[in-house]
């Protein structure tokens, strides 16, 4: 029977390496509360990503919640309509109002040229997403934030290891947030991180993730439970040494997709010209129409191949929002974008098959 090919597949390290770390956890009898595996992973990630302060948290969603809370944001937060739902749901969850700005049609990140017009006296921050690992226009966004006294948060869930001009994308803005979900390029099963350059802000994030504790009997302030278990940290410690190989495998797959689809003018491939180091987190295609996308998706599904409409629908269409701004570019792209299967285990033959089905469908449509 033909195996199903999904849009992604979790990279699993050598089970013996993981079991070895789990045995150490068993011997220590310490499963959580910032144990040695958690501290080790935190230190290694900070060094690997070349950032000043990195705090592990339980997932990427709570990382954004903590960022909003740590920066004491209120009122309106300017954000993108083209991201995963957590980017906006956290804004609403924290009692703020999302204000949507449309995206750039080339890199699909928030259009920095439109941000300033959306600023009001109630605006407190900009929360932008590095979509598919493509960096936002960080220099222009920072200039706008400085001019208007705004904070900047980057949802960098897709951007692990991404660099511009040899510098980590995580070093921009007030806080960057990461997701270490099982589907990400680097993962710990579940998990995430908050990254910043300011030591006082890093201290605040530290106690925010641990109920606000200052020792056993005192509290720095309000906090929540965002701790990472030793079992998740152990997974991260097994995956991290393989990250260069993981990215190299994904790069090879992306290059093959590019070569096979290069001459098809009915689809647009998404590239960033500012990246000096990419992580090849996704392979999105933008079709001429939603009709063509649906035809391709159905043809792939018929062969047990499952791409994903990522992201669809746009976030300004969420049912719990009141009169959100129209974002015509994002809404159009959202109807026409499809992410193809991409993982460390995808084979050249599988990529050939995916592309053959796409090209045949477009030719016959």
Protein backbone atom coordinates (compact mmCIF):
# COMPACT_ATOMS: atom_id res chain seq x y z
CA UNK A 1 0.00 0.00 0.00
CA UNK A 2 1.24 3.48 -0.89
CA UNK A 3 2.25 5.53 2.17
CA UNK A 4 0.59 8.90 2.68
CA UNK A 5 2.85 11.93 2.24
CA UNK A 6 2.05 14.78 4.62
CA UNK A 7 3.00 18.44 4.42
CA UNK A 8 5.61 17.79 7.11
CA UNK A 9 7.02 14.97 9.19
CA UNK A 10 8.65 15.26 12.59
CA UNK A 11 12.38 14.66 12.69
CA UNK A 12 13.07 12.00 15.30
CA UNK A 13 16.64 11.61 16.60
CA UNK A 14 18.28 8.30 17.45
CA UNK A 15 16.03 6.76 20.09
CA UNK A 16 19.01 5.37 21.97
CA UNK A 17 20.38 8.89 22.45
CA UNK A 18 17.03 10.06 23.78
CA UNK A 19 16.67 7.04 26.08
CA UNK A 20 20.15 7.72 27.45
CA UNK A 21 19.11 11.23 28.48
CA UNK A 22 15.80 9.98 29.88
CA UNK A 23 17.72 7.47 32.04
CA UNK A 24 19.72 10.39 33.44
CA UNK A 25 16.46 12.17 34.22
CA UNK A 26 15.18 9.06 36.00
CA UNK A 27 18.31 8.94 38.12
CA UNK A 28 18.02 12.62 39.02
CA UNK A 29 14.32 12.18 39.85
CA UNK A 30 13.78 15.71 38.60
CA UNK A 31 11.21 16.07 35.82
CA UNK A 32 10.53 19.82 35.76
CA UNK A 33 11.20 23.17 37.52
CA UNK A 34 14.19 24.23 35.43
CA UNK A 35 16.14 21.03 35.79
CA UNK A 36 19.65 20.40 34.39
CA UNK A 37 18.45 19.33 30.92
CA UNK A 38 16.35 22.45 30.58
CA UNK A 39 19.22 24.69 31.65
CA UNK A 40 21.62 22.86 29.33
CA UNK A 41 19.32 23.26 26.33
CA UNK A 42 18.71 26.91 27.14
CA UNK A 43 22.44 27.60 27.25
CA UNK A 44 23.17 25.69 24.04
CA UNK A 45 20.35 27.37 22.13
CA UNK A 46 21.50 30.79 23.29
CA UNK A 47 24.98 30.05 21.96
CA UNK A 48 23.81 28.40 18.75
CA UNK A 49 21.46 31.24 17.86
CA UNK A 50 23.94 33.93 18.98
CA UNK A 51 21.47 35.81 21.18
CA UNK A 52 21.95 37.54 24.53
CA UNK A 53 18.97 36.23 26.49
CA UNK A 54 16.86 33.16 25.71
CA UNK A 55 14.24 31.71 28.04
CA UNK A 56 12.63 28.35 27.27
CA UNK A 57 8.87 28.16 27.61
CA UNK A 58 6.26 25.45 27.16
CA UNK A 59 5.08 26.50 23.68
CA UNK A 60 5.21 29.25 21.09
CA UNK A 61 1.75 30.58 21.90
CA UNK A 62 2.51 31.28 25.53
CA UNK A 63 5.78 32.86 24.37
CA UNK A 64 3.76 35.58 22.58
CA UNK A 65 1.45 35.98 25.58
CA UNK A 66 4.46 36.49 27.83
CA UNK A 67 5.96 39.00 25.40
CA UNK A 68 2.78 41.08 25.48
CA UNK A 69 2.62 40.84 29.27
CA UNK A 70 6.32 41.58 29.81
CA UNK A 71 6.12 44.72 27.67
CA UNK A 72 2.94 45.78 29.54
CA UNK A 73 1.08 46.38 26.30
CA UNK A 74 -2.41 47.82 26.19
CA UNK A 75 -4.74 49.18 23.55
CA UNK A 76 -4.00 48.46 19.90
CA UNK A 77 -1.30 46.21 18.49
CA UNK A 78 -0.59 46.44 14.77
CA UNK A 79 -0.17 43.00 13.27
CA UNK A 80 -0.35 40.86 10.15
CA UNK A 81 -3.41 39.04 8.82
CA UNK A 82 -1.18 36.34 7.30
CA UNK A 83 0.14 34.12 10.09
CA UNK A 84 -0.96 31.25 12.31
CA UNK A 85 -3.99 31.99 14.47
CA UNK A 86 -1.88 32.16 17.66
CA UNK A 87 -0.33 35.42 16.50
CA UNK A 88 -3.68 37.18 16.81
CA UNK A 89 -5.46 35.05 19.42
CA UNK A 90 -2.77 35.97 21.95
CA UNK A 91 -3.37 39.68 21.34
CA UNK A 92 -7.09 39.23 22.03
CA UNK A 93 -6.42 36.86 24.94
CA UNK A 94 -4.28 39.53 26.61
CA UNK A 95 -7.05 42.11 26.28
CA UNK A 96 -5.55 44.10 23.42
CA UNK A 97 -7.01 44.93 20.02
CA UNK A 98 -5.36 43.65 16.82
CA UNK A 99 -5.14 46.20 14.02
CA UNK A 100 -4.37 44.57 10.69
CA UNK A 101 -1.97 45.87 8.07
CA UNK A 102 -1.81 44.13 4.70
CA UNK A 103 1.21 42.12 3.52
CA UNK A 104 3.90 42.49 0.91
CA UNK A 105 3.03 40.30 -2.09
CA UNK A 106 6.63 39.16 -2.54
CA UNK A 107 7.74 37.90 0.90
CA UNK A 108 4.22 37.73 2.45
CA UNK A 109 5.37 39.56 5.60
CA UNK A 110 3.62 42.66 6.92
CA UNK A 111 4.03 45.57 4.51
CA UNK A 112 6.18 48.04 6.43
CA UNK A 113 5.11 50.82 4.04
CA UNK A 114 1.55 50.60 5.39
CA UNK A 115 2.26 50.44 9.11
CA UNK A 116 2.57 54.15 9.89
CA UNK A 117 -0.86 54.96 8.48
CA UNK A 118 -2.42 52.47 10.92
CA UNK A 119 -0.90 54.05 14.05
CA UNK A 120 -3.30 55.87 16.41
CA UNK A 121 -3.00 57.32 19.89
CA UNK A 122 -4.04 53.89 21.21
CA UNK A 123 -1.27 51.96 19.43
CA UNK A 124 1.25 50.37 21.80
CA UNK A 125 3.19 47.90 19.64
CA UNK A 126 3.82 46.15 16.35
CA UNK A 127 3.62 42.34 16.32
CA UNK A 128 4.97 41.02 13.01
CA UNK A 129 5.62 37.50 11.73
CA UNK A 130 8.67 36.32 9.77
CA UNK A 131 6.46 34.32 7.39
CA UNK A 132 7.90 30.99 6.19
CA UNK A 133 11.22 32.19 7.64
CA UNK A 134 11.28 35.28 5.38
CA UNK A 135 12.40 38.25 7.49
CA UNK A 136 10.21 41.30 7.87
CA UNK A 137 11.71 44.69 6.98
CA UNK A 138 13.19 44.92 10.47
CA UNK A 139 15.11 48.15 9.92
CA UNK A 140 12.08 50.09 8.70
CA UNK A 141 9.81 48.62 11.36
CA UNK A 142 12.27 49.65 14.07
CA UNK A 143 12.52 53.16 12.64
CA UNK A 144 8.74 53.48 12.75
CA UNK A 145 8.61 52.10 16.30
CA UNK A 146 11.31 54.51 17.49
CA UNK A 147 9.54 57.47 15.88
CA UNK A 148 6.22 56.70 17.55
CA UNK A 149 7.44 55.17 20.83
CA UNK A 150 6.16 51.68 20.09
CA UNK A 151 7.37 48.24 21.18
CA UNK A 152 8.17 45.55 18.60
CA UNK A 153 7.52 41.81 18.93
CA UNK A 154 8.49 39.35 16.23
CA UNK A 155 6.71 36.02 15.91
CA UNK A 156 9.72 34.02 14.75
CA UNK A 157 8.09 30.59 14.95
CA UNK A 158 9.26 29.91 11.37
CA UNK A 159 12.64 31.59 11.68
CA UNK A 160 14.91 29.34 13.77
CA UNK A 161 18.49 29.95 12.63
CA UNK A 162 17.56 32.56 10.01
CA UNK A 163 20.12 35.34 9.55
CA UNK A 164 20.26 38.63 7.64
CA UNK A 165 23.68 40.07 6.85
CA UNK A 166 25.21 37.39 9.07
CA UNK A 167 23.15 38.44 12.11
CA UNK A 168 20.43 36.40 13.79
CA UNK A 169 16.95 37.65 12.95
CA UNK A 170 16.16 37.10 16.63
CA UNK A 171 18.29 40.09 17.63
CA UNK A 172 15.77 42.57 16.22
CA UNK A 173 12.83 44.12 18.05
CA UNK A 174 12.18 44.12 21.78
CA UNK A 175 11.24 40.43 21.96
CA UNK A 176 11.25 37.55 19.47
CA UNK A 177 9.28 34.39 20.10
CA UNK A 178 10.03 30.88 18.88
CA UNK A 179 8.02 27.68 18.59
CA UNK A 180 9.63 24.29 19.14
CA UNK A 181 6.54 22.32 18.15
CA UNK A 182 7.15 18.90 16.63
CA UNK A 183 6.55 20.22 13.11
CA UNK A 184 9.25 22.89 13.28
CA UNK A 185 12.79 22.73 11.83
CA UNK A 186 14.14 22.56 15.39
CA UNK A 187 11.80 21.03 17.94
CA UNK A 188 11.53 19.62 21.44
CA UNK A 189 8.23 17.86 20.86
CA UNK A 190 6.42 20.81 22.38
CA UNK A 191 8.10 24.00 23.51
CA UNK A 192 9.20 27.47 22.60
CA UNK A 193 11.34 30.38 23.68
CA UNK A 194 11.37 34.11 24.24
CA UNK A 195 14.46 36.05 23.13
CA UNK A 196 15.53 39.59 23.99
CA UNK A 197 18.59 41.81 24.36
CA UNK A 198 17.56 43.73 27.49
CA UNK A 199 18.67 42.13 30.80
CA UNK A 200 15.83 43.71 32.81
CA UNK A 201 13.30 42.42 30.31
CA UNK A 202 14.94 38.98 30.43
CA UNK A 203 14.59 38.99 34.22
CA UNK A 204 10.89 39.85 33.91
CA UNK A 205 10.37 37.03 31.42
CA UNK A 206 12.13 34.64 33.81
CA UNK A 207 9.71 35.17 36.64
CA UNK A 208 6.69 35.48 34.34
CA UNK A 209 7.17 31.87 33.19
CA UNK A 210 7.35 30.53 36.77
CA UNK A 211 4.30 31.96 38.56
CA UNK A 212 6.25 35.12 39.45
CA UNK A 213 8.37 33.25 42.00
CA UNK A 214 11.35 34.83 43.75
CA UNK A 215 12.42 31.81 45.75
CA UNK A 216 9.86 29.64 47.54
CA UNK A 217 8.08 32.27 49.61
CA UNK A 218 8.38 35.55 47.70
CA UNK A 219 7.22 36.83 44.34
CA UNK A 220 8.68 39.32 41.89
CA UNK A 221 5.24 39.91 40.37
CA UNK A 222 2.46 38.32 38.36
CA UNK A 223 3.38 35.10 36.60
CA UNK A 224 2.08 32.03 34.81
CA UNK A 225 3.20 28.42 34.41
CA UNK A 226 5.24 28.24 31.20
CA UNK A 227 7.96 25.87 32.34
CA UNK A 228 9.54 23.20 30.14
CA UNK A 229 9.79 19.59 31.32
CA UNK A 230 13.08 17.72 31.37
CA UNK A 231 11.61 15.20 28.92
CA UNK A 232 10.98 17.90 26.32
CA UNK A 233 14.38 19.45 26.96
CA UNK A 234 15.99 16.05 26.40
CA UNK A 235 14.34 15.82 22.99
CA UNK A 236 15.68 19.27 22.13
CA UNK A 237 19.18 18.27 23.24
CA UNK A 238 19.03 15.29 20.86
CA UNK A 239 17.71 17.33 17.92
CA UNK A 240 20.03 20.35 18.22
CA UNK A 241 23.28 18.54 17.25
CA UNK A 242 21.52 17.42 14.04
CA UNK A 243 20.24 20.86 13.04
CA UNK A 244 22.84 21.53 10.33
CA UNK A 245 22.04 18.18 8.70
CA UNK A 246 18.31 18.86 9.02
CA UNK A 247 18.64 22.21 7.24
CA UNK A 248 20.93 20.71 4.58
CA UNK A 249 18.39 17.95 3.84
CA UNK A 250 15.62 20.50 3.55
CA UNK A 251 17.75 22.75 1.34
CA UNK A 252 18.35 19.85 -1.03
CA UNK A 253 14.62 19.14 -1.24
CA UNK A 254 13.82 22.82 -1.87
CA UNK A 255 16.42 22.97 -4.65
CA UNK A 256 14.83 19.96 -6.33
CA UNK A 257 11.38 21.52 -6.11
CA UNK A 258 12.78 24.74 -7.60
CA UNK A 259 14.40 22.92 -10.51
CA UNK A 260 11.28 20.94 -11.39
CA UNK A 261 8.84 23.84 -11.06
CA UNK A 262 11.05 26.64 -12.37
CA UNK A 263 9.49 26.95 -15.82
CA UNK A 264 5.86 26.80 -14.67
CA UNK A 265 4.60 30.37 -15.02
CA UNK A 266 1.21 29.65 -13.43
CA UNK A 267 2.75 29.55 -9.96
CA UNK A 268 4.78 32.00 -7.91
CA UNK A 269 7.54 30.85 -5.59
CA UNK A 270 8.17 32.92 -2.46
CA UNK A 271 11.71 34.15 -1.90
CA UNK A 272 13.39 36.69 0.34
CA UNK A 273 16.33 38.65 -1.04
CA UNK A 274 17.51 39.75 2.42
CA UNK A 275 18.31 36.33 3.93
CA UNK A 276 21.96 35.41 4.32
CA UNK A 277 21.05 32.09 5.98
CA UNK A 278 17.69 30.42 5.44
CA UNK A 279 16.23 27.44 7.30
CA UNK A 280 13.97 26.09 4.51
CA UNK A 281 11.06 25.71 6.87
CA UNK A 282 8.31 25.56 4.23
CA UNK A 283 7.84 25.32 0.47
CA UNK A 284 4.89 27.56 -0.45
CA UNK A 285 3.50 28.05 -3.95
CA UNK A 286 1.08 30.81 -4.94
CA UNK A 287 -1.24 29.80 -7.79
CA UNK A 288 -2.93 32.07 -10.34
CA UNK A 289 -6.33 31.33 -8.87
CA UNK A 290 -8.01 29.43 -6.06
CA UNK A 291 -9.56 27.21 -8.69
CA UNK A 292 -6.12 26.06 -9.83
CA UNK A 293 -5.01 25.54 -6.24
CA UNK A 294 -8.03 23.38 -5.46
CA UNK A 295 -7.51 21.34 -8.61
CA UNK A 296 -3.88 20.69 -7.66
CA UNK A 297 -4.75 19.89 -4.06
CA UNK A 298 -7.45 17.44 -5.10
CA UNK A 299 -5.11 15.74 -7.56
CA UNK A 300 -2.45 15.38 -4.88
CA UNK A 301 -4.96 14.17 -2.29
CA UNK A 302 -6.10 11.50 -4.73
CA UNK A 303 -2.56 10.11 -4.59
CA UNK A 304 -2.43 10.27 -0.75
CA UNK A 305 -0.34 13.44 -0.80
CA UNK A 306 -1.44 16.09 1.70
CA UNK A 307 -0.21 19.65 1.13
CA UNK A 308 -1.65 22.40 3.33
CA UNK A 309 -3.36 25.72 2.76
CA UNK A 310 -1.07 27.53 5.14
CA UNK A 311 -2.39 30.15 6.02
CA UNK A 312 -6.08 30.06 5.21
CA UNK A 313 -8.25 31.93 5.94
CA UNK A 314 -6.63 35.24 6.83
CA UNK A 315 -6.71 36.26 10.48
CA UNK A 316 -8.81 39.36 9.88
CA UNK A 317 -11.62 36.92 9.08
CA UNK A 318 -11.65 35.31 12.54
CA UNK A 319 -15.23 35.13 13.86
CA UNK A 320 -14.46 36.70 17.26
CA UNK A 321 -13.13 39.95 15.77
CA UNK A 322 -15.35 43.00 15.38
CA UNK A 323 -15.12 44.93 12.08
CA UNK A 324 -11.48 44.14 11.26
CA UNK A 325 -9.69 45.96 8.46
CA UNK A 326 -9.87 44.55 4.92
CA UNK A 327 -6.52 43.23 3.66
CA UNK A 328 -6.97 42.52 -0.06
CA UNK A 329 -3.46 41.26 -0.80
CA UNK A 330 -3.38 38.86 2.15
CA UNK A 331 -6.91 37.67 1.41
CA UNK A 332 -6.01 37.00 -2.22
CA UNK A 333 -2.74 35.22 -1.38
CA UNK A 334 -4.44 33.17 1.33
CA UNK A 335 -6.90 31.74 -1.18
CA UNK A 336 -4.08 30.82 -3.57
CA UNK A 337 -1.15 29.63 -1.41
CA UNK A 338 -0.34 25.97 -0.85
CA UNK A 339 2.60 24.51 1.10
CA UNK A 340 4.04 21.34 -0.43
CA UNK A 341 5.38 18.36 1.55
CA UNK A 342 8.82 19.09 3.00
CA UNK A 343 10.77 17.16 5.63
CA UNK A 344 14.11 15.51 6.26
CA UNK A 345 12.71 12.19 5.05
CA UNK A 346 11.13 13.23 1.78
CA UNK A 347 12.80 11.44 -1.13
CA UNK A 348 13.78 12.64 -4.58
CA UNK A 349 11.25 10.22 -6.05
CA UNK A 350 8.48 11.65 -3.89
CA UNK A 351 9.34 15.20 -4.93
CA UNK A 352 9.40 14.11 -8.58
CA UNK A 353 5.94 12.61 -8.12
CA UNK A 354 4.51 15.70 -6.40
CA UNK A 355 5.82 18.01 -9.11
CA UNK A 356 4.67 15.72 -11.91
CA UNK A 357 1.11 15.76 -10.54
CA UNK A 358 1.17 19.55 -10.15
CA UNK A 359 2.47 20.17 -13.68
CA UNK A 360 0.10 17.68 -15.26
CA UNK A 361 -2.88 19.19 -13.42
CA UNK A 362 -2.00 22.73 -14.47
CA UNK A 363 -1.51 21.69 -18.09
CA UNK A 364 -4.88 19.94 -18.17
CA UNK A 365 -6.79 22.59 -16.27
